[in-house]
N, C-alpha and C. Protein backbone atom coordinates (compact mmCIF):
# COMPACT_ATOMS: atom_id res chain seq x y z
N MET A 1 -14.66 -22.74 8.34
CA MET A 1 -14.06 -22.20 9.55
C MET A 1 -14.09 -23.26 10.64
N ASP A 2 -13.05 -23.26 11.45
CA ASP A 2 -12.99 -24.22 12.52
C ASP A 2 -13.61 -23.65 13.79
N THR A 3 -14.29 -24.53 14.49
CA THR A 3 -14.79 -24.16 15.80
C THR A 3 -13.68 -24.48 16.80
N VAL A 4 -13.38 -23.55 17.66
CA VAL A 4 -12.27 -23.70 18.59
C VAL A 4 -12.79 -23.47 20.00
N LYS A 5 -12.41 -24.35 20.91
CA LYS A 5 -12.71 -24.12 22.33
C LYS A 5 -11.38 -23.90 23.02
N LEU A 6 -11.25 -22.82 23.73
CA LEU A 6 -9.97 -22.41 24.30
C LEU A 6 -10.03 -22.19 25.82
N LYS A 7 -9.03 -21.46 26.32
CA LYS A 7 -8.97 -21.15 27.73
C LYS A 7 -9.05 -19.67 28.09
N THR A 8 -8.66 -18.16 29.77
CA THR A 8 -8.71 -16.72 30.19
C THR A 8 -7.64 -16.28 31.16
N THR A 9 -7.59 -15.00 31.49
CA THR A 9 -6.56 -14.51 32.43
C THR A 9 -7.07 -14.09 33.79
N GLY A 10 -6.22 -14.18 34.77
CA GLY A 10 -6.61 -13.75 36.09
C GLY A 10 -5.88 -12.48 36.46
N TYR A 11 -5.38 -11.71 35.52
CA TYR A 11 -4.59 -10.51 35.79
C TYR A 11 -5.30 -9.53 36.72
N SER A 12 -6.57 -9.21 36.43
CA SER A 12 -7.30 -8.28 37.27
C SER A 12 -8.40 -8.96 38.06
N GLY A 13 -8.57 -10.25 37.87
CA GLY A 13 -9.64 -10.95 38.52
C GLY A 13 -10.85 -11.07 37.62
N THR A 14 -10.96 -10.21 36.61
CA THR A 14 -12.05 -10.33 35.63
C THR A 14 -11.54 -11.13 34.46
N PRO A 15 -12.28 -12.20 34.08
CA PRO A 15 -11.83 -13.02 32.95
C PRO A 15 -11.67 -12.16 31.69
N LEU A 16 -10.64 -12.44 30.93
CA LEU A 16 -10.34 -11.66 29.72
C LEU A 16 -11.47 -11.69 28.70
N ALA A 17 -12.08 -12.87 28.51
CA ALA A 17 -13.16 -12.96 27.55
C ALA A 17 -14.32 -12.03 27.91
N LYS A 18 -14.57 -11.90 29.22
CA LYS A 18 -15.61 -10.97 29.66
C LYS A 18 -15.19 -9.52 29.40
N LYS A 19 -13.95 -9.19 29.74
CA LYS A 19 -13.45 -7.84 29.49
C LYS A 19 -13.60 -7.45 28.02
N LEU A 20 -13.28 -8.38 27.16
CA LEU A 20 -13.29 -8.12 25.72
C LEU A 20 -14.68 -8.23 25.11
N GLY A 21 -15.61 -8.80 25.84
CA GLY A 21 -16.98 -8.92 25.33
C GLY A 21 -17.16 -10.05 24.33
N ILE A 22 -16.35 -11.09 24.41
CA ILE A 22 -16.43 -12.20 23.48
C ILE A 22 -17.66 -13.04 23.80
N LYS A 23 -18.51 -13.30 22.79
CA LYS A 23 -19.76 -14.03 22.97
C LYS A 23 -19.77 -15.29 22.12
N PRO A 24 -20.63 -16.27 22.49
CA PRO A 24 -20.71 -17.51 21.72
C PRO A 24 -21.01 -17.23 20.26
N GLY A 25 -20.33 -17.97 19.37
CA GLY A 25 -20.54 -17.84 17.96
C GLY A 25 -19.81 -16.66 17.28
N PHE A 26 -19.06 -15.90 18.06
CA PHE A 26 -18.35 -14.75 17.48
C PHE A 26 -17.35 -15.19 16.40
N ARG A 27 -17.21 -14.35 15.38
CA ARG A 27 -16.20 -14.50 14.37
C ARG A 27 -15.07 -13.54 14.73
N LEU A 28 -13.90 -14.09 15.04
CA LEU A 28 -12.79 -13.32 15.57
C LEU A 28 -11.59 -13.30 14.63
N LYS A 29 -10.89 -12.19 14.64
CA LYS A 29 -9.62 -12.12 13.92
C LYS A 29 -8.58 -11.58 14.88
N LEU A 30 -7.44 -12.28 14.92
CA LEU A 30 -6.32 -11.85 15.74
C LEU A 30 -5.19 -11.38 14.86
N ILE A 31 -4.62 -10.24 15.17
CA ILE A 31 -3.48 -9.72 14.42
C ILE A 31 -2.33 -9.43 15.39
N ASN A 32 -1.21 -10.06 15.13
CA ASN A 32 0.00 -9.91 15.95
C ASN A 32 -0.18 -10.25 17.42
N PRO A 33 -0.99 -11.25 17.77
CA PRO A 33 -1.14 -11.51 19.21
C PRO A 33 0.17 -12.00 19.80
N PRO A 34 0.39 -11.72 21.07
CA PRO A 34 1.62 -12.30 21.68
C PRO A 34 1.51 -13.82 21.68
N GLU A 35 2.65 -14.45 21.66
CA GLU A 35 2.71 -15.92 21.56
C GLU A 35 1.85 -16.61 22.64
N TYR A 36 1.74 -16.01 23.78
CA TYR A 36 1.02 -16.60 24.90
C TYR A 36 -0.46 -16.17 24.99
N TYR A 37 -0.95 -15.50 23.97
CA TYR A 37 -2.31 -14.90 23.98
C TYR A 37 -3.37 -15.92 24.46
N MET A 38 -3.41 -17.05 23.86
CA MET A 38 -4.45 -18.05 24.22
C MET A 38 -4.29 -18.55 25.66
N ASP A 39 -3.08 -18.47 26.20
CA ASP A 39 -2.89 -18.88 27.60
C ASP A 39 -3.55 -17.90 28.57
N LEU A 40 -3.88 -16.69 28.09
CA LEU A 40 -4.55 -15.74 28.95
C LEU A 40 -5.99 -16.14 29.24
N PHE A 41 -6.51 -17.07 28.47
CA PHE A 41 -7.88 -17.55 28.64
C PHE A 41 -7.82 -18.89 29.40
N GLN A 42 -8.55 -18.98 30.52
CA GLN A 42 -8.51 -20.20 31.33
C GLN A 42 -9.88 -20.81 31.37
N ASN A 43 -10.21 -21.57 30.36
CA ASN A 43 -11.55 -22.21 30.23
C ASN A 43 -12.65 -21.20 30.30
N ASP A 44 -12.44 -20.02 29.77
CA ASP A 44 -13.38 -18.92 29.87
C ASP A 44 -14.01 -18.53 28.56
N LEU A 45 -13.45 -18.93 27.45
CA LEU A 45 -14.01 -18.52 26.16
C LEU A 45 -15.31 -19.27 25.89
N PRO A 46 -16.28 -18.58 25.31
CA PRO A 46 -17.50 -19.27 24.93
C PRO A 46 -17.23 -20.32 23.83
N ALA A 47 -18.16 -21.19 23.68
CA ALA A 47 -18.03 -22.24 22.64
C ALA A 47 -18.27 -21.61 21.27
N ASP A 48 -17.90 -22.38 20.27
CA ASP A 48 -18.21 -22.06 18.87
C ASP A 48 -17.67 -20.72 18.39
N LEU A 49 -16.42 -20.45 18.69
CA LEU A 49 -15.79 -19.27 18.18
C LEU A 49 -15.13 -19.59 16.84
N TYR A 50 -15.18 -18.65 15.93
CA TYR A 50 -14.60 -18.84 14.60
C TYR A 50 -13.47 -17.84 14.44
N PHE A 51 -12.33 -18.32 13.95
CA PHE A 51 -11.15 -17.47 13.83
C PHE A 51 -10.76 -17.27 12.37
N ASP A 52 -10.49 -16.00 12.01
CA ASP A 52 -9.88 -15.63 10.75
C ASP A 52 -10.62 -16.13 9.50
N GLY A 53 -11.92 -16.15 9.56
CA GLY A 53 -12.69 -16.49 8.37
C GLY A 53 -12.71 -15.31 7.42
N VAL A 54 -13.32 -15.52 6.27
CA VAL A 54 -13.34 -14.47 5.25
C VAL A 54 -14.51 -13.50 5.40
N SER A 55 -15.49 -13.88 6.23
CA SER A 55 -16.66 -13.00 6.40
C SER A 55 -16.35 -11.87 7.36
N ALA A 56 -17.29 -10.96 7.53
CA ALA A 56 -17.10 -9.85 8.45
C ALA A 56 -16.94 -10.41 9.87
N HIS A 57 -16.12 -9.74 10.64
CA HIS A 57 -15.78 -10.21 11.99
C HIS A 57 -16.61 -9.45 13.05
N ASP A 58 -16.97 -10.19 14.11
CA ASP A 58 -17.62 -9.56 15.26
C ASP A 58 -16.58 -8.80 16.10
N MET A 59 -15.37 -9.30 16.07
CA MET A 59 -14.31 -8.65 16.84
C MET A 59 -12.97 -8.90 16.19
N VAL A 60 -12.16 -7.87 16.14
CA VAL A 60 -10.75 -7.97 15.74
C VAL A 60 -9.93 -7.53 16.95
N HIS A 61 -8.91 -8.33 17.26
CA HIS A 61 -7.98 -7.91 18.33
C HIS A 61 -6.62 -7.72 17.67
N PHE A 62 -6.21 -6.49 17.60
CA PHE A 62 -5.01 -6.05 16.86
C PHE A 62 -3.98 -5.55 17.88
N PHE A 63 -2.85 -6.25 17.94
CA PHE A 63 -1.73 -5.87 18.81
C PHE A 63 -0.68 -5.16 17.96
N THR A 64 -0.22 -4.01 18.42
CA THR A 64 0.79 -3.28 17.69
C THR A 64 1.68 -2.45 18.62
N LYS A 65 2.91 -2.27 18.21
CA LYS A 65 3.86 -1.41 18.91
C LYS A 65 4.23 -0.22 18.04
N ASP A 66 3.70 -0.20 16.80
CA ASP A 66 4.20 0.71 15.78
C ASP A 66 3.10 1.63 15.23
N LYS A 67 3.32 2.91 15.30
CA LYS A 67 2.36 3.90 14.82
C LYS A 67 2.05 3.72 13.33
N LYS A 68 3.08 3.50 12.52
CA LYS A 68 2.86 3.31 11.08
C LYS A 68 1.94 2.12 10.82
N GLU A 69 2.18 1.02 11.53
CA GLU A 69 1.34 -0.16 11.34
C GLU A 69 -0.11 0.17 11.77
N LEU A 70 -0.29 0.88 12.84
CA LEU A 70 -1.64 1.30 13.28
C LEU A 70 -2.28 2.13 12.18
N PHE A 71 -1.58 3.11 11.68
CA PHE A 71 -2.14 4.01 10.66
C PHE A 71 -2.45 3.24 9.34
N ASP A 72 -1.65 2.24 9.01
CA ASP A 72 -1.89 1.46 7.81
C ASP A 72 -3.06 0.54 7.94
N LEU A 73 -3.19 -0.11 9.12
CA LEU A 73 -4.18 -1.19 9.24
C LEU A 73 -5.55 -0.77 9.77
N LEU A 74 -5.61 0.24 10.63
CA LEU A 74 -6.90 0.58 11.21
C LEU A 74 -7.99 0.92 10.19
N PRO A 75 -7.71 1.65 9.13
CA PRO A 75 -8.75 1.90 8.14
C PRO A 75 -9.26 0.61 7.49
N LEU A 76 -8.38 -0.36 7.29
CA LEU A 76 -8.76 -1.66 6.71
C LEU A 76 -9.59 -2.46 7.71
N LEU A 77 -9.22 -2.38 8.98
CA LEU A 77 -9.94 -3.13 9.98
C LEU A 77 -11.35 -2.63 10.16
N ARG A 78 -11.57 -1.34 9.98
CA ARG A 78 -12.92 -0.79 10.09
C ARG A 78 -13.85 -1.46 9.10
N THR A 79 -13.36 -1.79 7.93
CA THR A 79 -14.19 -2.44 6.91
C THR A 79 -14.25 -3.97 7.13
N ALA A 80 -13.46 -4.50 8.05
CA ALA A 80 -13.44 -5.94 8.31
C ALA A 80 -14.37 -6.39 9.41
N ILE A 81 -15.03 -5.43 10.08
CA ILE A 81 -15.94 -5.79 11.16
C ILE A 81 -17.42 -5.60 10.71
N THR A 82 -18.29 -6.31 11.41
CA THR A 82 -19.73 -6.12 11.19
C THR A 82 -20.08 -4.71 11.67
N PRO A 83 -21.22 -4.15 11.22
CA PRO A 83 -21.57 -2.81 11.70
C PRO A 83 -21.60 -2.66 13.23
N ALA A 84 -21.97 -3.72 13.94
CA ALA A 84 -22.00 -3.67 15.42
C ALA A 84 -20.76 -4.33 16.01
N GLY A 85 -19.75 -4.60 15.19
CA GLY A 85 -18.53 -5.25 15.65
C GLY A 85 -17.60 -4.30 16.36
N ALA A 86 -16.48 -4.83 16.83
CA ALA A 86 -15.52 -4.05 17.60
C ALA A 86 -14.10 -4.38 17.17
N ILE A 87 -13.26 -3.38 17.28
CA ILE A 87 -11.82 -3.56 17.08
C ILE A 87 -11.17 -3.22 18.42
N TRP A 88 -10.45 -4.19 18.96
CA TRP A 88 -9.63 -3.92 20.16
C TRP A 88 -8.21 -3.66 19.64
N VAL A 89 -7.70 -2.48 19.93
CA VAL A 89 -6.32 -2.17 19.60
C VAL A 89 -5.53 -2.26 20.88
N SER A 90 -4.54 -3.13 20.91
CA SER A 90 -3.70 -3.27 22.11
C SER A 90 -2.28 -2.76 21.82
N TRP A 91 -1.72 -2.09 22.80
CA TRP A 91 -0.38 -1.50 22.70
C TRP A 91 0.31 -1.74 24.05
N PRO A 92 1.66 -1.73 24.04
CA PRO A 92 2.38 -1.98 25.28
C PRO A 92 2.19 -0.83 26.30
N LYS A 93 1.95 -1.22 27.53
CA LYS A 93 1.85 -0.21 28.61
C LYS A 93 3.22 0.42 28.80
N LYS A 94 3.23 1.67 29.26
CA LYS A 94 4.51 2.33 29.56
C LYS A 94 5.33 1.53 30.56
N ALA A 95 4.66 1.00 31.58
CA ALA A 95 5.34 0.25 32.64
C ALA A 95 6.01 -1.03 32.15
N SER A 96 5.58 -1.50 30.97
CA SER A 96 6.12 -2.76 30.43
C SER A 96 7.54 -2.56 29.91
N LYS A 97 7.93 -1.32 29.62
CA LYS A 97 9.26 -1.02 29.05
C LYS A 97 9.46 -1.59 27.65
N VAL A 98 8.38 -2.05 27.01
CA VAL A 98 8.45 -2.50 25.64
C VAL A 98 8.49 -1.27 24.74
N PRO A 99 9.49 -1.16 23.85
CA PRO A 99 9.58 0.02 23.01
C PRO A 99 8.33 0.18 22.11
N THR A 100 7.77 1.37 22.08
CA THR A 100 6.60 1.67 21.25
C THR A 100 6.50 3.18 21.01
N ASP A 101 5.85 3.55 19.92
CA ASP A 101 5.57 4.95 19.66
C ASP A 101 4.06 5.17 19.69
N ILE A 102 3.34 4.32 20.38
CA ILE A 102 1.88 4.38 20.45
C ILE A 102 1.45 4.72 21.87
N THR A 103 0.41 5.56 21.95
CA THR A 103 -0.23 5.89 23.24
C THR A 103 -1.73 5.73 23.06
N GLU A 104 -2.44 5.65 24.18
CA GLU A 104 -3.89 5.60 24.14
C GLU A 104 -4.48 6.78 23.40
N ASP A 105 -3.97 7.97 23.65
CA ASP A 105 -4.49 9.17 22.98
C ASP A 105 -4.26 9.13 21.47
N LEU A 106 -3.11 8.64 21.06
CA LEU A 106 -2.83 8.50 19.63
C LEU A 106 -3.86 7.58 18.95
N ILE A 107 -4.11 6.44 19.58
CA ILE A 107 -5.09 5.50 19.02
C ILE A 107 -6.46 6.14 18.97
N ARG A 108 -6.90 6.76 20.05
CA ARG A 108 -8.20 7.38 20.11
C ARG A 108 -8.37 8.46 19.06
N ASN A 109 -7.38 9.33 18.93
CA ASN A 109 -7.48 10.43 17.96
C ASN A 109 -7.48 9.93 16.53
N TYR A 110 -6.68 8.94 16.23
CA TYR A 110 -6.67 8.40 14.87
C TYR A 110 -7.96 7.64 14.60
N ALA A 111 -8.47 6.92 15.60
CA ALA A 111 -9.73 6.19 15.41
C ALA A 111 -10.86 7.19 15.03
N ILE A 112 -10.91 8.32 15.69
CA ILE A 112 -11.95 9.31 15.38
C ILE A 112 -11.85 9.74 13.92
N GLU A 113 -10.61 9.92 13.44
CA GLU A 113 -10.42 10.31 12.02
C GLU A 113 -10.93 9.22 11.10
N GLN A 114 -10.93 7.97 11.57
CA GLN A 114 -11.37 6.85 10.74
C GLN A 114 -12.85 6.51 10.94
N GLY A 115 -13.56 7.35 11.66
CA GLY A 115 -15.00 7.11 11.89
C GLY A 115 -15.29 6.08 12.95
N LEU A 116 -14.37 5.94 13.91
CA LEU A 116 -14.55 5.00 15.01
C LEU A 116 -14.53 5.78 16.33
N ILE A 117 -15.18 5.24 17.33
CA ILE A 117 -15.16 5.86 18.66
C ILE A 117 -14.70 4.80 19.65
N ASP A 118 -14.06 5.25 20.74
CA ASP A 118 -13.65 4.33 21.79
C ASP A 118 -14.74 4.25 22.84
N VAL A 119 -14.98 3.02 23.30
CA VAL A 119 -16.04 2.82 24.29
C VAL A 119 -15.57 2.11 25.56
N LYS A 120 -14.32 1.61 25.54
CA LYS A 120 -13.83 0.88 26.72
C LYS A 120 -12.34 0.76 26.64
N VAL A 121 -11.69 0.74 27.78
CA VAL A 121 -10.25 0.46 27.89
C VAL A 121 -10.07 -0.63 28.92
N CYS A 122 -9.10 -1.49 28.71
CA CYS A 122 -8.84 -2.55 29.71
C CYS A 122 -7.37 -2.95 29.68
N ALA A 123 -6.98 -3.59 30.78
CA ALA A 123 -5.67 -4.22 30.83
C ALA A 123 -5.84 -5.63 30.29
N VAL A 124 -5.13 -5.96 29.22
CA VAL A 124 -5.15 -7.31 28.68
C VAL A 124 -4.32 -8.21 29.58
N ASP A 125 -3.13 -7.74 29.94
CA ASP A 125 -2.24 -8.44 30.87
C ASP A 125 -1.26 -7.40 31.40
N GLU A 126 -0.15 -7.88 31.96
CA GLU A 126 0.83 -6.98 32.55
C GLU A 126 1.56 -6.14 31.50
N VAL A 127 1.56 -6.58 30.26
CA VAL A 127 2.28 -5.89 29.19
C VAL A 127 1.36 -5.03 28.33
N TRP A 128 0.19 -5.55 28.01
CA TRP A 128 -0.69 -4.94 27.01
C TRP A 128 -1.93 -4.27 27.59
N SER A 129 -2.22 -3.08 27.10
CA SER A 129 -3.50 -2.40 27.32
C SER A 129 -4.34 -2.58 26.05
N GLY A 130 -5.63 -2.38 26.19
CA GLY A 130 -6.52 -2.47 25.01
C GLY A 130 -7.55 -1.37 24.99
N LEU A 131 -7.83 -0.83 23.81
CA LEU A 131 -8.85 0.18 23.62
C LEU A 131 -9.87 -0.38 22.63
N LYS A 132 -11.11 -0.40 23.06
CA LYS A 132 -12.19 -0.95 22.23
C LYS A 132 -12.78 0.16 21.35
N LEU A 133 -12.76 -0.08 20.05
CA LEU A 133 -13.24 0.86 19.06
C LEU A 133 -14.47 0.29 18.36
N VAL A 134 -15.47 1.14 18.12
CA VAL A 134 -16.66 0.71 17.39
C VAL A 134 -17.09 1.77 16.43
N ILE A 135 -17.93 1.37 15.48
CA ILE A 135 -18.55 2.34 14.57
C ILE A 135 -19.70 2.99 15.34
N PRO A 136 -19.81 4.32 15.35
CA PRO A 136 -20.92 4.97 16.07
C PRO A 136 -22.27 4.44 15.57
N VAL A 137 -23.24 4.31 16.47
CA VAL A 137 -24.54 3.75 16.13
C VAL A 137 -25.15 4.52 14.95
N LYS A 138 -25.01 5.84 14.94
CA LYS A 138 -25.61 6.66 13.86
C LYS A 138 -25.02 6.33 12.49
N ASP A 139 -23.82 5.74 12.46
CA ASP A 139 -23.13 5.45 11.19
C ASP A 139 -23.20 3.97 10.78
N ARG A 140 -23.82 3.14 11.58
CA ARG A 140 -23.74 1.68 11.34
C ARG A 140 -24.43 1.23 10.07
N ASN A 141 -25.47 1.89 9.65
CA ASN A 141 -26.12 1.48 8.40
C ASN A 141 -25.29 1.83 7.18
N ASN A 142 -24.38 2.81 7.37
CA ASN A 142 -23.51 3.23 6.28
C ASN A 142 -22.18 2.52 6.33
N GLY A 143 -21.96 1.66 7.40
CA GLY A 143 -20.83 0.82 7.61
C GLY A 143 -19.51 1.29 7.31
């Protein structure tokens, strides 16, 4: 795996890496990120991040506009994170006018069916919102 040092966003004044909870040494997986995703980080990412390795991930950031894609991938992503890991699902905000059939409630309700709970929501940028999903503490040993 390659160690990558990158850059953060000033959309809300809070650095994106802090919003997302990215920590040094994290193993990250990105799915469908917007082309400019890394530009949202402005010298804010911790050192020694690993991307798209084969081991369990500390964080997955999954961008989607499509309900079917969400329903197909979320169960697989649950098994791709460490027991204490997180899945950020990002979808286009209504105000962005990007066509989508996804809402925050849809993500939350489907996540519950998959044994995940939401613990945080944030604005990724002007287009994307994000919902942080985790395995409940009581279920983490059963992964």
